[in-house]
Amino acid sequence: MSFLEVHDALFAAYGPQRWWPAKTPFEVMVGAILTQNTAWTNVEKAIANLHAAQAMDAELILHVPQRRVAAWIR
């Protein structure tokens, strides 16, 4: 059985699990990157900061100064 077949069988049996608490695919990516270097509680704070700054957007993050992005995720 291939990986895809296993995935499909599990998905058919259990449906979507919603295990990653994110609103958008971009937020999933941000969370996945941040969890590489910090605890989930701090990732949650960083994501909340990005939302509060209305900065949960790749294009915006790309064009603001690095120090501002660092402050949002610190």
PDB file of N, CA and C in Angstrom:
ATOM      1  N   MET A   1       0.856  -1.179   0.000  1.00  0.00           N
ATOM      2  CA  MET A   1       0.000   0.000   0.000  1.00  0.00           C
ATOM      3  C   MET A   1       0.903   1.243   0.000  1.00  0.00           C
ATOM      4  N   SER A   2       0.595   2.197  -0.851  1.00  0.00           N
ATOM      5  CA  SER A   2       1.389   3.424  -0.941  1.00  0.00           C
ATOM      6  C   SER A   2       0.974   4.410   0.155  1.00  0.00           C
ATOM      7  N   PHE A   3       1.792   5.411   0.337  1.00  0.00           N
ATOM      8  CA  PHE A   3       1.480   6.459   1.309  1.00  0.00           C
ATOM      9  C   PHE A   3       0.154   7.116   0.982  1.00  0.00           C
ATOM     10  N   LEU A   4      -0.057   7.419  -0.285  1.00  0.00           N
ATOM     11  CA  LEU A   4      -1.297   8.084  -0.690  1.00  0.00           C
ATOM     12  C   LEU A   4      -2.510   7.202  -0.404  1.00  0.00           C
ATOM     13  N   GLU A   5      -2.373   5.911  -0.619  1.00  0.00           N
ATOM     14  CA  GLU A   5      -3.477   4.993  -0.318  1.00  0.00           C
ATOM     15  C   GLU A   5      -3.767   4.958   1.184  1.00  0.00           C
ATOM     16  N   VAL A   6      -2.719   4.957   1.996  1.00  0.00           N
ATOM     17  CA  VAL A   6      -2.897   4.986   3.454  1.00  0.00           C
ATOM     18  C   VAL A   6      -3.593   6.286   3.853  1.00  0.00           C
ATOM     19  N   HIS A   7      -3.101   7.397   3.320  1.00  0.00           N
ATOM     20  CA  HIS A   7      -3.719   8.697   3.607  1.00  0.00           C
ATOM     21  C   HIS A   7      -5.194   8.683   3.237  1.00  0.00           C
ATOM     22  N   ASP A   8      -5.494   8.240   2.044  1.00  0.00           N
ATOM     23  CA  ASP A   8      -6.881   8.232   1.587  1.00  0.00           C
ATOM     24  C   ASP A   8      -7.764   7.338   2.453  1.00  0.00           C
ATOM     25  N   ALA A   9      -7.242   6.183   2.866  1.00  0.00           N
ATOM     26  CA  ALA A   9      -8.010   5.276   3.723  1.00  0.00           C
ATOM     27  C   ALA A   9      -8.275   5.914   5.085  1.00  0.00           C
ATOM     28  N   LEU A  10      -7.257   6.542   5.664  1.00  0.00           N
ATOM     29  CA  LEU A  10      -7.441   7.206   6.962  1.00  0.00           C
ATOM     30  C   LEU A  10      -8.403   8.383   6.840  1.00  0.00           C
ATOM     31  N   PHE A  11      -8.265   9.139   5.774  1.00  0.00           N
ATOM     32  CA  PHE A  11      -9.150  10.289   5.576  1.00  0.00           C
ATOM     33  C   PHE A  11     -10.590   9.828   5.411  1.00  0.00           C
ATOM     34  N   ALA A  12     -10.789   8.746   4.653  1.00  0.00           N
ATOM     35  CA  ALA A  12     -12.141   8.219   4.462  1.00  0.00           C
ATOM     36  C   ALA A  12     -12.728   7.722   5.786  1.00  0.00           C
ATOM     37  N   ALA A  13     -11.893   7.123   6.624  1.00  0.00           N
ATOM     38  CA  ALA A  13     -12.367   6.568   7.893  1.00  0.00           C
ATOM     39  C   ALA A  13     -12.606   7.639   8.949  1.00  0.00           C
ATOM     40  N   TYR A  14     -11.738   8.647   9.002  1.00  0.00           N
ATOM     41  CA  TYR A  14     -11.789   9.605  10.117  1.00  0.00           C
ATOM     42  C   TYR A  14     -12.095  11.040   9.712  1.00  0.00           C
ATOM     43  N   GLY A  15     -12.024  11.341   8.438  1.00  0.00           N
ATOM     44  CA  GLY A  15     -12.299  12.699   7.971  1.00  0.00           C
ATOM     45  C   GLY A  15     -11.199  13.673   8.359  1.00  0.00           C
ATOM     46  N   PRO A  16     -11.405  14.959   8.078  1.00  0.00           N
ATOM     47  CA  PRO A  16     -10.402  15.962   8.422  1.00  0.00           C
ATOM     48  C   PRO A  16     -10.226  16.057   9.939  1.00  0.00           C
ATOM     49  N   GLN A  17      -9.010  16.147  10.394  1.00  0.00           N
ATOM     50  CA  GLN A  17      -8.733  16.165  11.834  1.00  0.00           C
ATOM     51  C   GLN A  17      -8.583  17.566  12.412  1.00  0.00           C
ATOM     52  N   ARG A  18      -8.331  18.539  11.576  1.00  0.00           N
ATOM     53  CA  ARG A  18      -8.183  19.933  12.028  1.00  0.00           C
ATOM     54  C   ARG A  18      -7.186  20.053  13.174  1.00  0.00           C
ATOM     55  N   TRP A  19      -6.085  19.336  13.061  1.00  0.00           N
ATOM     56  CA  TRP A  19      -5.105  19.295  14.144  1.00  0.00           C
ATOM     57  C   TRP A  19      -4.223  20.526  14.194  1.00  0.00           C
ATOM     58  N   TRP A  20      -4.142  21.264  13.119  1.00  0.00           N
ATOM     59  CA  TRP A  20      -3.299  22.454  13.131  1.00  0.00           C
ATOM     60  C   TRP A  20      -4.200  23.663  13.275  1.00  0.00           C
ATOM     61  N   PRO A  21      -4.052  24.413  14.356  1.00  0.00           N
ATOM     62  CA  PRO A  21      -4.963  25.533  14.607  1.00  0.00           C
ATOM     63  C   PRO A  21      -4.608  26.762  13.764  1.00  0.00           C
ATOM     64  N   ALA A  22      -5.015  26.768  12.520  1.00  0.00           N
ATOM     65  CA  ALA A  22      -4.695  27.885  11.634  1.00  0.00           C
ATOM     66  C   ALA A  22      -5.927  28.277  10.836  1.00  0.00           C
ATOM     67  N   LYS A  23      -5.957  29.536  10.463  1.00  0.00           N
ATOM     68  CA  LYS A  23      -7.085  30.048   9.693  1.00  0.00           C
ATOM     69  C   LYS A  23      -6.852  29.946   8.188  1.00  0.00           C
ATOM     70  N   THR A  24      -5.587  29.973   7.775  1.00  0.00           N
ATOM     71  CA  THR A  24      -5.257  29.964   6.344  1.00  0.00           C
ATOM     72  C   THR A  24      -4.042  29.075   6.092  1.00  0.00           C
ATOM     73  N   PRO A  25      -3.846  28.664   4.852  1.00  0.00           N
ATOM     74  CA  PRO A  25      -2.628  27.907   4.528  1.00  0.00           C
ATOM     75  C   PRO A  25      -1.351  28.690   4.840  1.00  0.00           C
ATOM     76  N   PHE A  26      -1.372  30.016   4.625  1.00  0.00           N
ATOM     77  CA  PHE A  26      -0.182  30.823   4.940  1.00  0.00           C
ATOM     78  C   PHE A  26       0.116  30.781   6.432  1.00  0.00           C
ATOM     79  N   GLU A  27      -0.913  30.833   7.244  1.00  0.00           N
ATOM     80  CA  GLU A  27      -0.711  30.752   8.689  1.00  0.00           C
ATOM     81  C   GLU A  27      -0.123  29.401   9.087  1.00  0.00           C
ATOM     82  N   VAL A  28      -0.520  28.340   8.413  1.00  0.00           N
ATOM     83  CA  VAL A  28       0.072  27.022   8.658  1.00  0.00           C
ATOM     84  C   VAL A  28       1.567  27.074   8.363  1.00  0.00           C
ATOM     85  N   MET A  29       1.928  27.697   7.241  1.00  0.00           N
ATOM     86  CA  MET A  29       3.345  27.786   6.873  1.00  0.00           C
ATOM     87  C   MET A  29       4.138  28.602   7.894  1.00  0.00           C
ATOM     88  N   VAL A  30       3.579  29.732   8.322  1.00  0.00           N
ATOM     89  CA  VAL A  30       4.257  30.559   9.324  1.00  0.00           C
ATOM     90  C   VAL A  30       4.454  29.758  10.604  1.00  0.00           C
ATOM     91  N   GLY A  31       3.403  29.103  11.055  1.00  0.00           N
ATOM     92  CA  GLY A  31       3.497  28.297  12.272  1.00  0.00           C
ATOM     93  C   GLY A  31       4.509  27.176  12.141  1.00  0.00           C
ATOM     94  N   ALA A  32       4.523  26.520  10.988  1.00  0.00           N
ATOM     95  CA  ALA A  32       5.467  25.418  10.775  1.00  0.00           C
ATOM     96  C   ALA A  32       6.911  25.913  10.821  1.00  0.00           C
ATOM     97  N   ILE A  33       7.166  27.062  10.239  1.00  0.00           N
ATOM     98  CA  ILE A  33       8.526  27.629  10.258  1.00  0.00           C
ATOM     99  C   ILE A  33       8.907  28.023  11.681  1.00  0.00           C
ATOM    100  N   LEU A  34       8.011  28.719  12.364  1.00  0.00           N
ATOM    101  CA  LEU A  34       8.339  29.191  13.711  1.00  0.00           C
ATOM    102  C   LEU A  34       8.521  28.049  14.703  1.00  0.00           C
ATOM    103  N   THR A  35       7.793  26.953  14.533  1.00  0.00           N
ATOM    104  CA  THR A  35       7.936  25.847  15.480  1.00  0.00           C
ATOM    105  C   THR A  35       9.275  25.145  15.355  1.00  0.00           C
ATOM    106  N   GLN A  36      10.020  25.439  14.323  1.00  0.00           N
ATOM    107  CA  GLN A  36      11.340  24.834  14.177  1.00  0.00           C
ATOM    108  C   GLN A  36      12.314  25.357  15.232  1.00  0.00           C
ATOM    109  N   ASN A  37      12.044  26.551  15.759  1.00  0.00           N
ATOM    110  CA  ASN A  37      13.007  27.192  16.658  1.00  0.00           C
ATOM    111  C   ASN A  37      12.439  27.656  17.993  1.00  0.00           C
ATOM    112  N   THR A  38      11.171  27.365  18.263  1.00  0.00           N
ATOM    113  CA  THR A  38      10.585  27.870  19.500  1.00  0.00           C
ATOM    114  C   THR A  38       9.428  26.982  19.950  1.00  0.00           C
ATOM    115  N   ALA A  39       9.018  27.150  21.164  1.00  0.00           N
ATOM    116  CA  ALA A  39       7.892  26.389  21.713  1.00  0.00           C
ATOM    117  C   ALA A  39       6.575  26.880  21.120  1.00  0.00           C
ATOM    118  N   TRP A  40       5.592  25.994  21.073  1.00  0.00           N
ATOM    119  CA  TRP A  40       4.312  26.351  20.466  1.00  0.00           C
ATOM    120  C   TRP A  40       3.663  27.542  21.163  1.00  0.00           C
ATOM    121  N   THR A  41       3.807  27.675  22.460  1.00  0.00           N
ATOM    122  CA  THR A  41       3.197  28.815  23.155  1.00  0.00           C
ATOM    123  C   THR A  41       3.738  30.134  22.613  1.00  0.00           C
ATOM    124  N   ASN A  42       5.022  30.171  22.279  1.00  0.00           N
ATOM    125  CA  ASN A  42       5.602  31.379  21.703  1.00  0.00           C
ATOM    126  C   ASN A  42       5.190  31.572  20.253  1.00  0.00           C
ATOM    127  N   VAL A  43       4.981  30.476  19.531  1.00  0.00           N
ATOM    128  CA  VAL A  43       4.477  30.568  18.159  1.00  0.00           C
ATOM    129  C   VAL A  43       3.082  31.189  18.178  1.00  0.00           C
ATOM    130  N   GLU A  44       2.253  30.750  19.112  1.00  0.00           N
ATOM    131  CA  GLU A  44       0.904  31.321  19.224  1.00  0.00           C
ATOM    132  C   GLU A  44       0.960  32.828  19.464  1.00  0.00           C
ATOM    133  N   LYS A  45       1.881  33.254  20.312  1.00  0.00           N
ATOM    134  CA  LYS A  45       2.031  34.693  20.583  1.00  0.00           C
ATOM    135  C   LYS A  45       2.475  35.432  19.336  1.00  0.00           C
ATOM    136  N   ALA A  46       3.419  34.861  18.603  1.00  0.00           N
ATOM    137  CA  ALA A  46       3.911  35.498  17.380  1.00  0.00           C
ATOM    138  C   ALA A  46       2.800  35.603  16.341  1.00  0.00           C
ATOM    139  N   ILE A  47       2.027  34.553  16.186  1.00  0.00           N
ATOM    140  CA  ILE A  47       0.919  34.580  15.230  1.00  0.00           C
ATOM    141  C   ILE A  47      -0.116  35.610  15.655  1.00  0.00           C
ATOM    142  N   ALA A  48      -0.403  35.693  16.943  1.00  0.00           N
ATOM    143  CA  ALA A  48      -1.336  36.715  17.440  1.00  0.00           C
ATOM    144  C   ALA A  48      -0.801  38.117  17.152  1.00  0.00           C
ATOM    145  N   ASN A  49       0.498  38.318  17.345  1.00  0.00           N
ATOM    146  CA  ASN A  49       1.107  39.619  17.046  1.00  0.00           C
ATOM    147  C   ASN A  49       0.982  39.960  15.566  1.00  0.00           C
ATOM    148  N   LEU A  50       1.223  38.973  14.702  1.00  0.00           N
ATOM    149  CA  LEU A  50       1.096  39.202  13.263  1.00  0.00           C
ATOM    150  C   LEU A  50      -0.341  39.566  12.901  1.00  0.00           C
ATOM    151  N   HIS A  51      -1.308  38.882  13.489  1.00  0.00           N
ATOM    152  CA  HIS A  51      -2.711  39.217  13.236  1.00  0.00           C
ATOM    153  C   HIS A  51      -3.039  40.612  13.752  1.00  0.00           C
ATOM    154  N   ALA A  52      -2.568  40.944  14.943  1.00  0.00           N
ATOM    155  CA  ALA A  52      -2.849  42.267  15.513  1.00  0.00           C
ATOM    156  C   ALA A  52      -2.282  43.382  14.644  1.00  0.00           C
ATOM    157  N   ALA A  53      -1.142  43.112  14.008  1.00  0.00           N
ATOM    158  CA  ALA A  53      -0.512  44.094  13.125  1.00  0.00           C
ATOM    159  C   ALA A  53      -1.070  44.014  11.704  1.00  0.00           C
ATOM    160  N   GLN A  54      -2.058  43.152  11.499  1.00  0.00           N
ATOM    161  CA  GLN A  54      -2.618  42.896  10.168  1.00  0.00           C
ATOM    162  C   GLN A  54      -1.499  42.547   9.188  1.00  0.00           C
ATOM    163  N   ALA A  55      -0.579  41.702   9.667  1.00  0.00           N
ATOM    164  CA  ALA A  55       0.611  41.368   8.888  1.00  0.00           C
ATOM    165  C   ALA A  55       0.705  39.887   8.558  1.00  0.00           C
ATOM    166  N   MET A  56      -0.392  39.168   8.613  1.00  0.00           N
ATOM    167  CA  MET A  56      -0.356  37.755   8.259  1.00  0.00           C
ATOM    168  C   MET A  56      -0.505  37.647   6.740  1.00  0.00           C
ATOM    169  N   ASP A  57       0.471  38.222   6.050  1.00  0.00           N
ATOM    170  CA  ASP A  57       0.445  38.314   4.589  1.00  0.00           C
ATOM    171  C   ASP A  57       1.881  38.284   4.075  1.00  0.00           C
ATOM    172  N   ALA A  58       2.165  37.359   3.195  1.00  0.00           N
ATOM    173  CA  ALA A  58       3.534  37.180   2.705  1.00  0.00           C
ATOM    174  C   ALA A  58       4.068  38.442   2.026  1.00  0.00           C
ATOM    175  N   GLU A  59       3.257  39.058   1.210  1.00  0.00           N
ATOM    176  CA  GLU A  59       3.702  40.243   0.470  1.00  0.00           C
ATOM    177  C   GLU A  59       4.050  41.389   1.433  1.00  0.00           C
ATOM    178  N   LEU A  60       3.231  41.578   2.445  1.00  0.00           N
ATOM    179  CA  LEU A  60       3.498  42.628   3.427  1.00  0.00           C
ATOM    180  C   LEU A  60       4.782  42.324   4.197  1.00  0.00           C
ATOM    181  N   ILE A  61       4.912  41.091   4.664  1.00  0.00           N
ATOM    182  CA  ILE A  61       6.109  40.704   5.417  1.00  0.00           C
ATOM    183  C   ILE A  61       7.366  40.899   4.582  1.00  0.00           C
ATOM    184  N   LEU A  62       7.263  40.629   3.294  1.00  0.00           N
ATOM    185  CA  LEU A  62       8.402  40.780   2.391  1.00  0.00           C
ATOM    186  C   LEU A  62       8.873  42.230   2.299  1.00  0.00           C
ATOM    187  N   HIS A  63       7.940  43.168   2.425  1.00  0.00           N
ATOM    188  CA  HIS A  63       8.274  44.572   2.173  1.00  0.00           C
ATOM    189  C   HIS A  63       8.442  45.452   3.409  1.00  0.00           C
ATOM    190  N   VAL A  64       8.316  44.895   4.593  1.00  0.00           N
ATOM    191  CA  VAL A  64       8.564  45.711   5.789  1.00  0.00           C
ATOM    192  C   VAL A  64       9.992  45.459   6.267  1.00  0.00           C
ATOM    193  N   PRO A  65      10.555  46.390   7.021  1.00  0.00           N
ATOM    194  CA  PRO A  65      11.913  46.189   7.532  1.00  0.00           C
ATOM    195  C   PRO A  65      12.016  44.926   8.391  1.00  0.00           C
ATOM    196  N   GLN A  66      13.142  44.280   8.292  1.00  0.00           N
ATOM    197  CA  GLN A  66      13.369  43.034   9.017  1.00  0.00           C
ATOM    198  C   GLN A  66      13.180  43.223  10.517  1.00  0.00           C
ATOM    199  N   ARG A  67      13.593  44.363  11.046  1.00  0.00           N
ATOM    200  CA  ARG A  67      13.455  44.601  12.483  1.00  0.00           C
ATOM    201  C   ARG A  67      12.000  44.620  12.924  1.00  0.00           C
ATOM    202  N   ARG A  68      11.105  45.077  12.043  1.00  0.00           N
ATOM    203  CA  ARG A  68       9.673  45.095  12.367  1.00  0.00           C
ATOM    204  C   ARG A  68       9.136  43.666  12.403  1.00  0.00           C
ATOM    205  N   VAL A  69       9.509  42.863  11.412  1.00  0.00           N
ATOM    206  CA  VAL A  69       9.072  41.459  11.396  1.00  0.00           C
ATOM    207  C   VAL A  69       9.595  40.750  12.641  1.00  0.00           C
ATOM    208  N   ALA A  70      10.850  41.016  12.998  1.00  0.00           N
ATOM    209  CA  ALA A  70      11.453  40.403  14.198  1.00  0.00           C
ATOM    210  C   ALA A  70      10.662  40.798  15.441  1.00  0.00           C
ATOM    211  N   ALA A  71      10.231  42.030  15.529  1.00  0.00           N
ATOM    212  CA  ALA A  71       9.453  42.475  16.685  1.00  0.00           C
ATOM    213  C   ALA A  71       8.097  41.769  16.739  1.00  0.00           C
ATOM    214  N   TRP A  72       7.481  41.553  15.575  1.00  0.00           N
ATOM    215  CA  TRP A  72       6.185  40.866  15.552  1.00  0.00           C
ATOM    216  C   TRP A  72       6.310  39.435  16.039  1.00  0.00           C
ATOM    217  N   ILE A  73       7.400  38.764  15.676  1.00  0.00           N
ATOM    218  CA  ILE A  73       7.513  37.354  16.035  1.00  0.00           C
ATOM    219  C   ILE A  73       8.294  37.105  17.314  1.00  0.00           C
ATOM    220  N   ARG A  74       8.828  38.159  17.919  1.00  0.00           N
ATOM    221  CA  ARG A  74       9.576  38.009  19.160  1.00  0.00           C
ATOM    222  C   ARG A  74       8.671  37.735  20.319  1.00  0.00           C
TER     223      ARG A  74
END
